Amino acid sequence: MSILTLFMIVGPIAILAGVTMMVIAIRSGGVGERPKSTVMLMAGMMACAFGMILTAFSIVGQPVEATR
């Protein structure tokens, strides 16, 4: 298993985890008022961005076949 395949697996999982954390933080209310909700929102955004970066690297790193 190559590292790019691993990135393609871990990236979307990180995106889903990040979005889930953001939804939980927003629905619990108190973002900006309660530290726990604020930290969950920030952590969700960072996890989502990390997943997008990993997925982008795995897509860009795939070998491109020359078309003639």
C-alpha atoms as a PDB file:
ATOM      1  CA  MET A   1       0.000   0.000   0.000  1.00  0.00           C
ATOM      2  CA  SER A   2       1.529   3.288  -1.055  1.00  0.00           C
ATOM      3  CA  ILE A   3       1.503   6.457   1.001  1.00  0.00           C
ATOM      4  CA  LEU A   4      -0.827   8.110  -1.521  1.00  0.00           C
ATOM      5  CA  THR A   5      -3.384   5.356  -1.018  1.00  0.00           C
ATOM      6  CA  LEU A   6      -3.127   5.859   2.719  1.00  0.00           C
ATOM      7  CA  PHE A   7      -3.685   9.602   2.240  1.00  0.00           C
ATOM      8  CA  MET A   8      -6.762   8.823   0.125  1.00  0.00           C
ATOM      9  CA  ILE A   9      -8.179   6.727   2.975  1.00  0.00           C
ATOM     10  CA  VAL A  10      -7.257   8.950   5.923  1.00  0.00           C
ATOM     11  CA  GLY A  11      -8.152  12.256   4.205  1.00  0.00           C
ATOM     12  CA  PRO A  12     -11.910  11.719   3.786  1.00  0.00           C
ATOM     13  CA  ILE A  13     -12.116  10.204   7.277  1.00  0.00           C
ATOM     14  CA  ALA A  14     -10.527  13.358   8.691  1.00  0.00           C
ATOM     15  CA  ILE A  15     -12.933  15.514   6.671  1.00  0.00           C
ATOM     16  CA  LEU A  16     -15.963  13.622   8.012  1.00  0.00           C
ATOM     17  CA  ALA A  17     -14.644  13.766  11.576  1.00  0.00           C
ATOM     18  CA  GLY A  18     -14.002  17.500  11.270  1.00  0.00           C
ATOM     19  CA  VAL A  19     -17.433  18.268   9.856  1.00  0.00           C
ATOM     20  CA  THR A  20     -19.038  16.127  12.572  1.00  0.00           C
ATOM     21  CA  MET A  21     -17.140  18.022  15.272  1.00  0.00           C
ATOM     22  CA  MET A  22     -18.200  21.368  13.793  1.00  0.00           C
ATOM     23  CA  VAL A  23     -21.860  20.335  13.638  1.00  0.00           C
ATOM     24  CA  ILE A  24     -21.791  19.114  17.230  1.00  0.00           C
ATOM     25  CA  ALA A  25     -20.125  22.338  18.392  1.00  0.00           C
ATOM     26  CA  ILE A  26     -22.611  24.558  16.566  1.00  0.00           C
ATOM     27  CA  ARG A  27     -25.676  22.586  17.674  1.00  0.00           C
ATOM     28  CA  SER A  28     -24.624  22.547  21.313  1.00  0.00           C
ATOM     29  CA  GLY A  29     -24.713  26.327  21.267  1.00  0.00           C
ATOM     30  CA  GLY A  30     -22.536  28.706  23.141  1.00  0.00           C
ATOM     31  CA  VAL A  31     -19.791  29.052  20.553  1.00  0.00           C
ATOM     32  CA  GLY A  32     -17.850  32.062  21.787  1.00  0.00           C
ATOM     33  CA  GLU A  33     -19.429  31.801  25.220  1.00  0.00           C
ATOM     34  CA  ARG A  34     -18.446  28.297  26.312  1.00  0.00           C
ATOM     35  CA  PRO A  35     -14.806  27.309  25.845  1.00  0.00           C
ATOM     36  CA  LYS A  36     -15.639  23.653  25.074  1.00  0.00           C
ATOM     37  CA  SER A  37     -17.845  24.538  22.104  1.00  0.00           C
ATOM     38  CA  THR A  38     -15.335  27.055  20.813  1.00  0.00           C
ATOM     39  CA  VAL A  39     -12.469  24.552  21.011  1.00  0.00           C
ATOM     40  CA  MET A  40     -14.563  21.864  19.310  1.00  0.00           C
ATOM     41  CA  LEU A  41     -15.382  24.269  16.478  1.00  0.00           C
ATOM     42  CA  MET A  42     -11.721  25.195  15.972  1.00  0.00           C
ATOM     43  CA  ALA A  43     -10.588  21.569  16.162  1.00  0.00           C
ATOM     44  CA  GLY A  44     -13.255  20.547  13.652  1.00  0.00           C
ATOM     45  CA  MET A  45     -12.109  23.211  11.202  1.00  0.00           C
ATOM     46  CA  MET A  46      -8.479  22.137  11.566  1.00  0.00           C
ATOM     47  CA  ALA A  47      -9.327  18.450  11.100  1.00  0.00           C
ATOM     48  CA  CYS A  48     -11.413  19.240   8.031  1.00  0.00           C
ATOM     49  CA  ALA A  49      -8.616  21.330   6.502  1.00  0.00           C
ATOM     50  CA  PHE A  50      -6.072  18.600   7.265  1.00  0.00           C
ATOM     51  CA  GLY A  51      -8.269  16.029   5.532  1.00  0.00           C
ATOM     52  CA  MET A  52      -8.651  18.261   2.484  1.00  0.00           C
ATOM     53  CA  ILE A  53      -4.888  18.744   2.253  1.00  0.00           C
ATOM     54  CA  LEU A  54      -4.215  15.007   2.526  1.00  0.00           C
ATOM     55  CA  THR A  55      -6.817  14.205  -0.103  1.00  0.00           C
ATOM     56  CA  ALA A  56      -5.483  16.897  -2.427  1.00  0.00           C
ATOM     57  CA  PHE A  57      -1.931  15.571  -2.094  1.00  0.00           C
ATOM     58  CA  SER A  58      -3.111  12.056  -2.884  1.00  0.00           C
ATOM     59  CA  ILE A  59      -4.967  13.222  -6.000  1.00  0.00           C
ATOM     60  CA  VAL A  60      -2.148  15.466  -7.262  1.00  0.00           C
ATOM     61  CA  GLY A  61       0.488  12.834  -6.529  1.00  0.00           C
ATOM     62  CA  GLN A  62      -1.104  10.141  -8.676  1.00  0.00           C
ATOM     63  CA  PRO A  63       0.845   9.487 -11.869  1.00  0.00           C
ATOM     64  CA  VAL A  64      -0.749  11.077 -14.886  1.00  0.00           C
ATOM     65  CA  GLU A  65      -0.895   8.955 -18.026  1.00  0.00           C
ATOM     66  CA  ALA A  66       0.216  10.732 -21.158  1.00  0.00           C
ATOM     67  CA  THR A  67      -2.514  11.044 -23.728  1.00  0.00           C
ATOM     68  CA  ARG A  68      -1.633  11.109 -27.404  1.00  0.00           C
END
